[in-house]
Amino acid sequence: MSKMHQRPDSLSIPADPISPIPPSPDTHSQTGSLRPESLLHNQDKKPPLPEIVQVGDPVLHEPAQEVEPGEIRSDRIQKIIDDMIKVMRKAPGVGLAAPQIGIPLQIIVLEDTKEYISYHQEDVTKAQDRCPFDLLVILNPKLEKKGNRTALFFEGCLSVDGFGAVVERHLQVEVTGLDRNGKPIKVDASGWQARILQHECDHLDGTVYVDKMVPRTFRTAQNSNQPLAFGCPKLGVR
């Protein structure tokens, strides 16, 4: 098999560097008092989205709690879900678990689009069996691995920003849980979608991908196209 080059941040689409926003001119008068128009502007300002928690924070390394079914439709849980979707899309990424925004609850969101897939080489996405799928919101997910076939590919994580490593994942999984309306949901997934589901469900167990990575494959995004070390398993389906 020829060596497949790919970015290690396969679960998080690279985004442009975040630039600081310069302060608006004339926000304050020369005496330092806030102008009335600035006060009005601040009142209309939407609350900021949660930050993505980075590896090392205890919330990423401890099991998350189940969401009480009777609470799913509450304003609190619905806002958490909405925030997760916005954070995932803003990053942008193809999956996010509630612990990644500092909330130890069993909620995951995932979505892959034609646009995201187009950022990668066609031969790579074909080998990954990566196809677009609509937004999924799953609460209290239970994942069951199907069959014995696995694949080795690089993956990354929004909570391990700028790095990636090879992880072995099952090719097929079944996930059951509840949707954002509290209704039962079942997802039969294969290929890259199955990998995303395994990655996000791991977060709910307090596991990040580096806990499962193949030794000597961890690297920076800048070194993503460097050859694997001698003795490392080849990428692809096993």
C-alpha atoms as a PDB file:
ATOM      1  CA  MET A   1       0.000   0.000   0.000  1.00  0.00           C
ATOM      2  CA  SER A   2       1.311   3.423  -0.877  1.00  0.00           C
ATOM      3  CA  LYS A   3       1.744   5.794   2.036  1.00  0.00           C
ATOM      4  CA  MET A   4      -1.294   8.052   2.487  1.00  0.00           C
ATOM      5  CA  HIS A   5      -0.454  11.609   3.432  1.00  0.00           C
ATOM      6  CA  GLN A   6      -3.078  13.491   5.387  1.00  0.00           C
ATOM      7  CA  ARG A   7      -3.364  16.176   7.989  1.00  0.00           C
ATOM      8  CA  PRO A   8      -3.382  14.788  11.529  1.00  0.00           C
ATOM      9  CA  ASP A   9      -6.228  17.140  12.456  1.00  0.00           C
ATOM     10  CA  SER A  10      -8.711  15.050  10.515  1.00  0.00           C
ATOM     11  CA  LEU A  11     -11.378  15.518  13.167  1.00  0.00           C
ATOM     12  CA  SER A  12     -10.864  19.266  13.246  1.00  0.00           C
ATOM     13  CA  ILE A  13     -10.709  21.268  10.048  1.00  0.00           C
ATOM     14  CA  PRO A  14      -7.823  23.773  10.222  1.00  0.00           C
ATOM     15  CA  ALA A  15      -8.988  27.307  10.860  1.00  0.00           C
ATOM     16  CA  ASP A  16      -7.239  30.613  10.312  1.00  0.00           C
ATOM     17  CA  PRO A  17      -5.321  31.998  13.291  1.00  0.00           C
ATOM     18  CA  ILE A  18      -7.483  34.066  15.580  1.00  0.00           C
ATOM     19  CA  SER A  19      -6.484  37.693  15.450  1.00  0.00           C
ATOM     20  CA  PRO A  20      -7.133  40.030  18.369  1.00  0.00           C
ATOM     21  CA  ILE A  21      -9.922  42.500  17.698  1.00  0.00           C
ATOM     22  CA  PRO A  22      -8.630  46.058  18.122  1.00  0.00           C
ATOM     23  CA  PRO A  23     -10.687  48.324  20.344  1.00  0.00           C
ATOM     24  CA  SER A  24     -13.132  50.528  18.490  1.00  0.00           C
ATOM     25  CA  PRO A  25     -12.012  54.169  18.293  1.00  0.00           C
ATOM     26  CA  ASP A  26     -13.850  56.693  20.404  1.00  0.00           C
ATOM     27  CA  THR A  27     -15.421  54.067  22.646  1.00  0.00           C
ATOM     28  CA  HIS A  28     -14.412  56.223  25.603  1.00  0.00           C
ATOM     29  CA  SER A  29     -14.316  59.972  25.880  1.00  0.00           C
ATOM     30  CA  GLN A  30     -11.112  61.732  26.833  1.00  0.00           C
ATOM     31  CA  THR A  31     -12.183  61.575  30.455  1.00  0.00           C
ATOM     32  CA  GLY A  32     -12.604  57.795  30.257  1.00  0.00           C
ATOM     33  CA  SER A  33     -16.401  57.788  30.627  1.00  0.00           C
ATOM     34  CA  LEU A  34     -18.403  55.351  28.492  1.00  0.00           C
ATOM     35  CA  ARG A  35     -20.490  57.003  25.802  1.00  0.00           C
ATOM     36  CA  PRO A  36     -24.267  56.320  25.700  1.00  0.00           C
ATOM     37  CA  GLU A  37     -24.051  54.707  22.233  1.00  0.00           C
ATOM     38  CA  SER A  38     -21.429  52.288  23.555  1.00  0.00           C
ATOM     39  CA  LEU A  39     -23.676  51.338  26.458  1.00  0.00           C
ATOM     40  CA  LEU A  40     -26.506  50.633  24.029  1.00  0.00           C
ATOM     41  CA  HIS A  41     -24.186  48.567  21.839  1.00  0.00           C
ATOM     42  CA  ASN A  42     -23.008  46.527  24.836  1.00  0.00           C
ATOM     43  CA  GLN A  43     -26.596  45.822  25.860  1.00  0.00           C
ATOM     44  CA  ASP A  44     -27.284  44.332  22.424  1.00  0.00           C
ATOM     45  CA  LYS A  45     -24.108  42.258  22.427  1.00  0.00           C
ATOM     46  CA  LYS A  46     -24.669  38.503  22.508  1.00  0.00           C
ATOM     47  CA  PRO A  47     -22.989  36.512  25.287  1.00  0.00           C
ATOM     48  CA  PRO A  48     -19.726  34.920  24.161  1.00  0.00           C
ATOM     49  CA  LEU A  49     -19.601  31.261  23.226  1.00  0.00           C
ATOM     50  CA  PRO A  50     -17.853  28.842  25.602  1.00  0.00           C
ATOM     51  CA  GLU A  51     -14.150  28.268  25.046  1.00  0.00           C
ATOM     52  CA  ILE A  52     -12.900  24.840  23.970  1.00  0.00           C
ATOM     53  CA  VAL A  53     -11.227  23.180  26.942  1.00  0.00           C
ATOM     54  CA  GLN A  54      -7.691  21.926  26.311  1.00  0.00           C
ATOM     55  CA  VAL A  55      -6.159  18.607  27.337  1.00  0.00           C
ATOM     56  CA  GLY A  56      -5.043  18.522  30.982  1.00  0.00           C
ATOM     57  CA  ASP A  57      -8.261  20.028  32.327  1.00  0.00           C
ATOM     58  CA  PRO A  58      -9.830  17.415  34.670  1.00  0.00           C
ATOM     59  CA  VAL A  59     -13.200  17.640  32.881  1.00  0.00           C
ATOM     60  CA  LEU A  60     -11.593  15.902  29.873  1.00  0.00           C
ATOM     61  CA  HIS A  61     -10.229  13.041  31.934  1.00  0.00           C
ATOM     62  CA  GLU A  62     -13.226  12.047  34.054  1.00  0.00           C
ATOM     63  CA  PRO A  63     -16.471  10.275  33.040  1.00  0.00           C
ATOM     64  CA  ALA A  64     -19.391  12.555  32.171  1.00  0.00           C
ATOM     65  CA  GLN A  65     -22.791  12.237  33.798  1.00  0.00           C
ATOM     66  CA  GLU A  66     -25.961  11.114  32.044  1.00  0.00           C
ATOM     67  CA  VAL A  67     -28.578  13.753  31.298  1.00  0.00           C
ATOM     68  CA  GLU A  68     -31.843  13.113  33.090  1.00  0.00           C
ATOM     69  CA  PRO A  69     -34.443  12.426  30.353  1.00  0.00           C
ATOM     70  CA  GLY A  70     -36.889  14.821  31.996  1.00  0.00           C
ATOM     71  CA  GLU A  71     -34.310  17.624  31.723  1.00  0.00           C
ATOM     72  CA  ILE A  72     -33.541  17.242  28.035  1.00  0.00           C
ATOM     73  CA  ARG A  73     -36.122  19.764  26.841  1.00  0.00           C
ATOM     74  CA  SER A  74     -35.224  22.284  29.542  1.00  0.00           C
ATOM     75  CA  ASP A  75     -33.839  25.685  28.546  1.00  0.00           C
ATOM     76  CA  ARG A  76     -30.521  24.812  30.193  1.00  0.00           C
ATOM     77  CA  ILE A  77     -29.875  21.623  28.212  1.00  0.00           C
ATOM     78  CA  GLN A  78     -31.172  23.126  24.967  1.00  0.00           C
ATOM     79  CA  LYS A  79     -28.796  26.074  25.358  1.00  0.00           C
ATOM     80  CA  ILE A  80     -25.870  23.711  25.978  1.00  0.00           C
ATOM     81  CA  ILE A  81     -26.734  21.867  22.770  1.00  0.00           C
ATOM     82  CA  ASP A  82     -27.074  25.105  20.790  1.00  0.00           C
ATOM     83  CA  ASP A  83     -23.736  26.355  22.150  1.00  0.00           C
ATOM     84  CA  MET A  84     -22.031  23.071  21.264  1.00  0.00           C
ATOM     85  CA  ILE A  85     -23.254  23.251  17.676  1.00  0.00           C
ATOM     86  CA  LYS A  86     -22.105  26.858  17.334  1.00  0.00           C
ATOM     87  CA  VAL A  87     -18.693  26.137  18.874  1.00  0.00           C
ATOM     88  CA  MET A  88     -18.174  23.076  16.650  1.00  0.00           C
ATOM     89  CA  ARG A  89     -19.048  25.002  13.495  1.00  0.00           C
ATOM     90  CA  LYS A  90     -17.024  28.048  14.483  1.00  0.00           C
ATOM     91  CA  ALA A  91     -13.860  26.026  15.203  1.00  0.00           C
ATOM     92  CA  PRO A  92     -14.600  24.463  12.684  1.00  0.00           C
ATOM     93  CA  GLY A  93     -14.741  20.763  13.491  1.00  0.00           C
ATOM     94  CA  VAL A  94     -16.824  17.708  12.702  1.00  0.00           C
ATOM     95  CA  GLY A  95     -17.621  16.652  16.265  1.00  0.00           C
ATOM     96  CA  LEU A  96     -17.766  17.964  19.818  1.00  0.00           C
ATOM     97  CA  ALA A  97     -18.575  16.509  23.231  1.00  0.00           C
ATOM     98  CA  ALA A  98     -19.978  18.540  26.134  1.00  0.00           C
ATOM     99  CA  PRO A  99     -16.839  18.050  28.304  1.00  0.00           C
ATOM    100  CA  GLN A 100     -14.912  19.927  25.602  1.00  0.00           C
ATOM    101  CA  ILE A 101     -16.722  23.104  26.612  1.00  0.00           C
ATOM    102  CA  GLY A 102     -16.278  22.296  30.303  1.00  0.00           C
ATOM    103  CA  ILE A 103     -19.654  20.615  30.898  1.00  0.00           C
ATOM    104  CA  PRO A 104     -19.460  17.034  32.269  1.00  0.00           C
ATOM    105  CA  LEU A 105     -22.647  15.782  30.613  1.00  0.00           C
ATOM    106  CA  GLN A 106     -23.162  12.984  28.094  1.00  0.00           C
ATOM    107  CA  ILE A 107     -23.971  15.036  25.002  1.00  0.00           C
ATOM    108  CA  ILE A 108     -22.274  14.857  21.613  1.00  0.00           C
ATOM    109  CA  VAL A 109     -22.840  16.710  18.352  1.00  0.00           C
ATOM    110  CA  LEU A 110     -21.348  15.822  14.977  1.00  0.00           C
ATOM    111  CA  GLU A 111     -21.642  16.885  11.357  1.00  0.00           C
ATOM    112  CA  ASP A 112     -19.545  16.456   8.230  1.00  0.00           C
ATOM    113  CA  THR A 113     -20.077  18.447   5.059  1.00  0.00           C
ATOM    114  CA  LYS A 114     -18.996  18.384   1.429  1.00  0.00           C
ATOM    115  CA  GLU A 115     -17.101  21.604   2.071  1.00  0.00           C
ATOM    116  CA  TYR A 116     -15.066  20.126   4.927  1.00  0.00           C
ATOM    117  CA  ILE A 117     -14.310  16.998   2.919  1.00  0.00           C
ATOM    118  CA  SER A 118     -13.170  19.107  -0.038  1.00  0.00           C
ATOM    119  CA  TYR A 119     -10.325  20.497   2.108  1.00  0.00           C
ATOM    120  CA  HIS A 120      -8.581  17.115   1.882  1.00  0.00           C
ATOM    121  CA  GLN A 121      -7.161  15.087  -0.989  1.00  0.00           C
ATOM    122  CA  GLU A 122      -9.718  12.893  -2.716  1.00  0.00           C
ATOM    123  CA  ASP A 123      -7.601   9.737  -2.434  1.00  0.00           C
ATOM    124  CA  VAL A 124      -7.326  10.298   1.322  1.00  0.00           C
ATOM    125  CA  THR A 125     -11.053  10.798   1.938  1.00  0.00           C
ATOM    126  CA  LYS A 126     -11.822   7.800  -0.270  1.00  0.00           C
ATOM    127  CA  ALA A 127      -9.473   5.613   1.785  1.00  0.00           C
ATOM    128  CA  GLN A 128     -11.119   6.938   4.970  1.00  0.00           C
ATOM    129  CA  ASP A 129     -14.590   6.172   3.571  1.00  0.00           C
ATOM    130  CA  ARG A 130     -15.543   9.724   4.439  1.00  0.00           C
ATOM    131  CA  CYS A 131     -18.966  10.942   3.334  1.00  0.00           C
ATOM    132  CA  PRO A 132     -21.043  13.963   4.351  1.00  0.00           C
ATOM    133  CA  PHE A 133     -23.843  13.549   6.881  1.00  0.00           C
ATOM    134  CA  ASP A 134     -26.357  15.888   8.492  1.00  0.00           C
ATOM    135  CA  LEU A 135     -26.104  17.269  12.004  1.00  0.00           C
ATOM    136  CA  LEU A 136     -26.541  14.663  14.746  1.00  0.00           C
ATOM    137  CA  VAL A 137     -27.257  15.454  18.399  1.00  0.00           C
ATOM    138  CA  ILE A 138     -27.097  12.468  20.747  1.00  0.00           C
ATOM    139  CA  LEU A 139     -27.590  12.471  24.508  1.00  0.00           C
ATOM    140  CA  ASN A 140     -26.548   9.554  26.734  1.00  0.00           C
ATOM    141  CA  PRO A 141     -25.073   7.662  23.768  1.00  0.00           C
ATOM    142  CA  LYS A 142     -24.257   3.974  24.025  1.00  0.00           C
ATOM    143  CA  LEU A 143     -21.768   2.728  21.442  1.00  0.00           C
ATOM    144  CA  GLU A 144     -21.459  -0.854  20.255  1.00  0.00           C
ATOM    145  CA  LYS A 145     -18.611  -1.885  17.948  1.00  0.00           C
ATOM    146  CA  LYS A 146     -19.641  -4.112  15.063  1.00  0.00           C
ATOM    147  CA  GLY A 147     -17.442  -6.780  13.502  1.00  0.00           C
ATOM    148  CA  ASN A 148     -13.683  -7.151  13.810  1.00  0.00           C
ATOM    149  CA  ARG A 149     -12.450  -4.891  11.006  1.00  0.00           C
ATOM    150  CA  THR A 150     -10.506  -1.825  12.012  1.00  0.00           C
ATOM    151  CA  ALA A 151      -8.597   0.999  10.337  1.00  0.00           C
ATOM    152  CA  LEU A 152      -5.557   3.058  11.235  1.00  0.00           C
ATOM    153  CA  PHE A 153      -5.660   6.749  10.378  1.00  0.00           C
ATOM    154  CA  PHE A 154      -4.454  10.043  11.785  1.00  0.00           C
ATOM    155  CA  GLU A 155      -6.971  11.970  13.809  1.00  0.00           C
ATOM    156  CA  GLY A 156      -6.894  15.140  15.816  1.00  0.00           C
ATOM    157  CA  CYS A 157      -8.967  16.903  18.426  1.00  0.00           C
ATOM    158  CA  LEU A 158     -10.078  20.452  19.090  1.00  0.00           C
ATOM    159  CA  SER A 159      -8.984  19.893  22.705  1.00  0.00           C
ATOM    160  CA  VAL A 160      -5.446  18.886  21.656  1.00  0.00           C
ATOM    161  CA  ASP A 161      -5.009  21.825  19.351  1.00  0.00           C
ATOM    162  CA  GLY A 162      -2.316  21.620  16.681  1.00  0.00           C
ATOM    163  CA  PHE A 163      -1.419  17.941  17.064  1.00  0.00           C
ATOM    164  CA  GLY A 164      -2.459  14.553  15.734  1.00  0.00           C
ATOM    165  CA  ALA A 165      -1.643  10.875  15.943  1.00  0.00           C
ATOM    166  CA  VAL A 166      -2.598   7.534  14.440  1.00  0.00           C
ATOM    167  CA  VAL A 167      -5.494   5.791  16.193  1.00  0.00           C
ATOM    168  CA  GLU A 168      -6.974   2.378  15.433  1.00  0.00           C
ATOM    169  CA  ARG A 169     -10.785   2.426  15.273  1.00  0.00           C
ATOM    170  CA  HIS A 170     -13.506  -0.024  14.351  1.00  0.00           C
ATOM    171  CA  LEU A 171     -14.989   0.400  10.890  1.00  0.00           C
ATOM    172  CA  GLN A 172     -18.592  -0.099  11.960  1.00  0.00           C
ATOM    173  CA  VAL A 173     -20.495   0.932  15.070  1.00  0.00           C
ATOM    174  CA  GLU A 174     -24.043   1.286  16.314  1.00  0.00           C
ATOM    175  CA  VAL A 175     -24.916   4.156  18.625  1.00  0.00           C
ATOM    176  CA  THR A 176     -28.178   4.465  20.517  1.00  0.00           C
ATOM    177  CA  GLY A 177     -29.335   7.306  22.726  1.00  0.00           C
ATOM    178  CA  LEU A 178     -31.773  10.204  22.821  1.00  0.00           C
ATOM    179  CA  ASP A 179     -32.129  13.128  20.444  1.00  0.00           C
ATOM    180  CA  ARG A 180     -32.520  16.736  21.584  1.00  0.00           C
ATOM    181  CA  ASN A 181     -36.270  16.193  21.935  1.00  0.00           C
ATOM    182  CA  GLY A 182     -35.800  13.204  24.220  1.00  0.00           C
ATOM    183  CA  LYS A 183     -36.817  10.719  21.523  1.00  0.00           C
ATOM    184  CA  PRO A 184     -34.862   7.462  21.033  1.00  0.00           C
ATOM    185  CA  ILE A 185     -32.288   7.567  18.250  1.00  0.00           C
ATOM    186  CA  LYS A 186     -30.153   4.880  16.636  1.00  0.00           C
ATOM    187  CA  VAL A 187     -27.247   5.483  14.272  1.00  0.00           C
ATOM    188  CA  ASP A 188     -25.566   2.744  12.241  1.00  0.00           C
ATOM    189  CA  ALA A 189     -22.308   4.204  11.037  1.00  0.00           C
ATOM    190  CA  SER A 190     -19.295   3.082   9.057  1.00  0.00           C
ATOM    191  CA  GLY A 191     -16.034   4.566   7.884  1.00  0.00           C
ATOM    192  CA  TRP A 192     -15.190   8.072   9.000  1.00  0.00           C
ATOM    193  CA  GLN A 193     -18.543   8.711  10.650  1.00  0.00           C
ATOM    194  CA  ALA A 194     -17.942   5.629  12.813  1.00  0.00           C
ATOM    195  CA  ARG A 195     -14.532   7.070  13.746  1.00  0.00           C
ATOM    196  CA  ILE A 196     -16.053  10.405  14.750  1.00  0.00           C
ATOM    197  CA  LEU A 197     -18.655   8.663  16.920  1.00  0.00           C
ATOM    198  CA  GLN A 198     -15.981   6.596  18.671  1.00  0.00           C
ATOM    199  CA  HIS A 199     -13.854   9.705  19.212  1.00  0.00           C
ATOM    200  CA  GLU A 200     -16.715  11.711  20.723  1.00  0.00           C
ATOM    201  CA  CYS A 201     -18.050   8.853  22.871  1.00  0.00           C
ATOM    202  CA  ASP A 202     -14.516   8.390  24.218  1.00  0.00           C
ATOM    203  CA  HIS A 203     -14.697  11.964  25.514  1.00  0.00           C
ATOM    204  CA  LEU A 204     -17.724  11.004  27.605  1.00  0.00           C
ATOM    205  CA  ASP A 205     -15.656   8.259  29.250  1.00  0.00           C
ATOM    206  CA  GLY A 206     -12.876  10.699  30.087  1.00  0.00           C
ATOM    207  CA  THR A 207     -10.658   9.437  27.272  1.00  0.00           C
ATOM    208  CA  VAL A 208      -8.881  11.574  24.672  1.00  0.00           C
ATOM    209  CA  TYR A 209      -7.371  10.145  21.514  1.00  0.00           C
ATOM    210  CA  VAL A 210      -3.812  10.430  22.825  1.00  0.00           C
ATOM    211  CA  ASP A 211      -4.745   7.767  25.400  1.00  0.00           C
ATOM    212  CA  LYS A 212      -5.284   5.364  22.478  1.00  0.00           C
ATOM    213  CA  MET A 213      -2.761   6.556  19.911  1.00  0.00           C
ATOM    214  CA  VAL A 214      -0.238   4.296  18.249  1.00  0.00           C
ATOM    215  CA  PRO A 215       3.159   4.938  19.885  1.00  0.00           C
ATOM    216  CA  ARG A 216       5.611   7.161  17.989  1.00  0.00           C
ATOM    217  CA  THR A 217       2.937   8.654  15.715  1.00  0.00           C
ATOM    218  CA  PHE A 218       2.156  11.797  17.734  1.00  0.00           C
ATOM    219  CA  ARG A 219       3.173  14.916  15.819  1.00  0.00           C
ATOM    220  CA  THR A 220       2.461  18.558  15.124  1.00  0.00           C
ATOM    221  CA  ALA A 221       0.234  19.649  12.276  1.00  0.00           C
ATOM    222  CA  GLN A 222       3.296  21.083  10.549  1.00  0.00           C
ATOM    223  CA  ASN A 223       4.841  17.586  10.453  1.00  0.00           C
ATOM    224  CA  SER A 224       1.688  15.847   9.270  1.00  0.00           C
ATOM    225  CA  ASN A 225       3.214  14.768   5.963  1.00  0.00           C
ATOM    226  CA  GLN A 226       6.403  13.369   7.423  1.00  0.00           C
ATOM    227  CA  PRO A 227       6.809   9.574   7.046  1.00  0.00           C
ATOM    228  CA  LEU A 228       5.942   7.360   9.984  1.00  0.00           C
ATOM    229  CA  ALA A 229       8.762   5.984  12.063  1.00  0.00           C
ATOM    230  CA  PHE A 230      10.216   2.591  11.115  1.00  0.00           C
ATOM    231  CA  GLY A 231       8.130  -0.203  12.591  1.00  0.00           C
ATOM    232  CA  CYS A 232       4.887   1.788  12.808  1.00  0.00           C
ATOM    233  CA  PRO A 233       1.870   0.073  11.210  1.00  0.00           C
ATOM    234  CA  LYS A 234       0.766   1.250   7.786  1.00  0.00           C
ATOM    235  CA  LEU A 235      -2.277   3.485   7.522  1.00  0.00           C
ATOM    236  CA  GLY A 236      -5.488   2.054   6.162  1.00  0.00           C
ATOM    237  CA  VAL A 237      -7.978  -0.742   6.724  1.00  0.00           C
ATOM    238  CA  ARG A 238      -6.706  -3.860   8.497  1.00  0.00           C
END
